[in-house]
Amino acid sequence: RSGDRRGWQLATPPAAMECFCTDFGVELECFASPLNRSPWNARFCSAFADTDRAFGSLGNFFSTALHELQPPLRSVECGPPYDDEVMEA
């Protein structure tokens, strides 16, 4: 079912993501895209900063200075891509 914002990815289900954001204060998704990011928070990192920045991406998770964000982050959601190279980084 691609209508639930997950498409063919093994993404966090929308109901769980809403709970993470509203109940646990998740403010950023570490691995998202403009097409699958959570509607409950405004900040996300994505693999393609050059094209995704126009849609609000902070850039690549591994090269974004998250500690410099204002206001500071309290909680993040990290559902990494299921790729061996990324998982081992």
Protein backbone atom coordinates (compact mmCIF):
# COMPACT_ATOMS: atom_id res chain seq x y z
CA ARG A 1 0.00 0.00 0.00
CA SER A 2 1.77 3.11 -1.14
CA GLY A 3 -1.02 5.40 0.07
CA ASP A 4 0.23 5.25 3.66
CA ARG A 5 3.42 7.26 2.83
CA ARG A 6 5.72 4.22 3.01
CA GLY A 7 5.69 3.08 -0.60
CA TRP A 8 7.85 0.00 -1.04
CA GLN A 9 10.21 0.97 1.77
CA LEU A 10 10.44 -0.62 5.20
CA ALA A 11 9.62 2.74 6.79
CA THR A 12 8.15 3.47 10.19
CA PRO A 13 4.35 3.15 9.96
CA PRO A 14 2.56 6.53 10.02
CA ALA A 15 0.74 5.84 13.32
CA ALA A 16 4.03 4.99 15.04
CA MET A 17 5.76 8.05 13.59
CA GLU A 18 2.93 10.30 14.77
CA CYS A 19 3.31 8.83 18.26
CA PHE A 20 7.09 9.34 18.18
CA CYS A 21 6.61 13.00 17.25
CA THR A 22 3.66 13.94 19.44
CA ASP A 23 4.36 11.79 22.53
CA PHE A 24 8.17 11.52 22.52
CA GLY A 25 9.17 14.82 20.92
CA VAL A 26 10.92 13.48 17.81
CA GLU A 27 11.93 16.57 15.85
CA LEU A 28 14.03 15.20 13.01
CA GLU A 29 14.18 12.16 10.74
CA CYS A 30 17.78 11.14 10.07
CA PHE A 31 17.07 9.27 6.82
CA ALA A 32 14.10 10.53 4.81
CA SER A 33 13.21 12.16 1.51
CA PRO A 34 10.77 14.88 0.49
CA LEU A 35 8.41 12.11 -0.62
CA ASN A 36 8.40 9.98 2.53
CA ARG A 37 9.22 12.34 5.39
CA SER A 38 6.92 12.60 8.35
CA PRO A 39 4.23 15.29 8.20
CA TRP A 40 4.51 15.70 11.99
CA ASN A 41 7.93 17.37 12.03
CA ALA A 42 9.56 19.86 9.72
CA ARG A 43 13.19 18.79 9.84
CA PHE A 44 14.73 15.86 8.00
CA CYS A 45 18.00 14.72 6.46
CA SER A 46 18.17 13.04 3.07
CA ALA A 47 20.68 11.46 0.73
CA PHE A 48 20.45 14.10 -1.99
CA ALA A 49 20.98 17.54 -0.46
CA ASP A 50 21.49 19.20 -3.84
CA THR A 51 17.92 18.49 -4.95
CA ASP A 52 16.14 17.89 -1.63
CA ARG A 53 17.22 21.14 0.07
CA ALA A 54 14.52 23.00 -1.91
CA PHE A 55 11.97 20.81 -0.07
CA GLY A 56 13.45 21.41 3.40
CA SER A 57 16.16 18.76 3.71
CA LEU A 58 19.06 19.62 6.00
CA GLY A 59 21.33 17.51 3.79
CA ASN A 60 23.04 14.19 4.30
CA PHE A 61 22.76 12.89 7.88
CA PHE A 62 26.46 12.01 8.04
CA SER A 63 27.61 15.50 7.01
CA THR A 64 25.00 17.70 8.75
CA ALA A 65 26.10 19.50 11.92
CA LEU A 66 23.06 18.52 13.97
CA HIS A 67 24.64 19.87 17.16
CA GLU A 68 24.52 23.38 15.66
CA LEU A 69 20.76 23.40 14.96
CA GLN A 70 18.68 25.99 16.75
CA PRO A 71 16.66 25.28 18.70
CA PRO A 72 18.69 22.22 19.74
CA LEU A 73 17.21 18.81 18.98
CA ARG A 74 15.69 16.86 21.84
CA SER A 75 14.93 13.63 20.00
CA VAL A 76 15.47 12.15 16.51
CA GLU A 77 14.16 9.13 14.60
CA CYS A 78 16.77 7.04 12.84
CA GLY A 79 15.30 4.51 10.42
CA PRO A 80 18.36 4.01 8.20
CA PRO A 81 18.21 2.71 4.66
CA TYR A 82 18.67 -1.04 4.55
CA ASP A 83 22.05 -0.85 2.88
CA ASP A 84 25.11 -2.64 4.30
CA GLU A 85 27.45 0.29 3.68
CA VAL A 86 25.19 2.78 5.47
CA MET A 87 24.44 0.39 8.34
CA GLU A 88 28.16 -0.16 8.96
CA ALA A 89 29.06 3.57 8.88
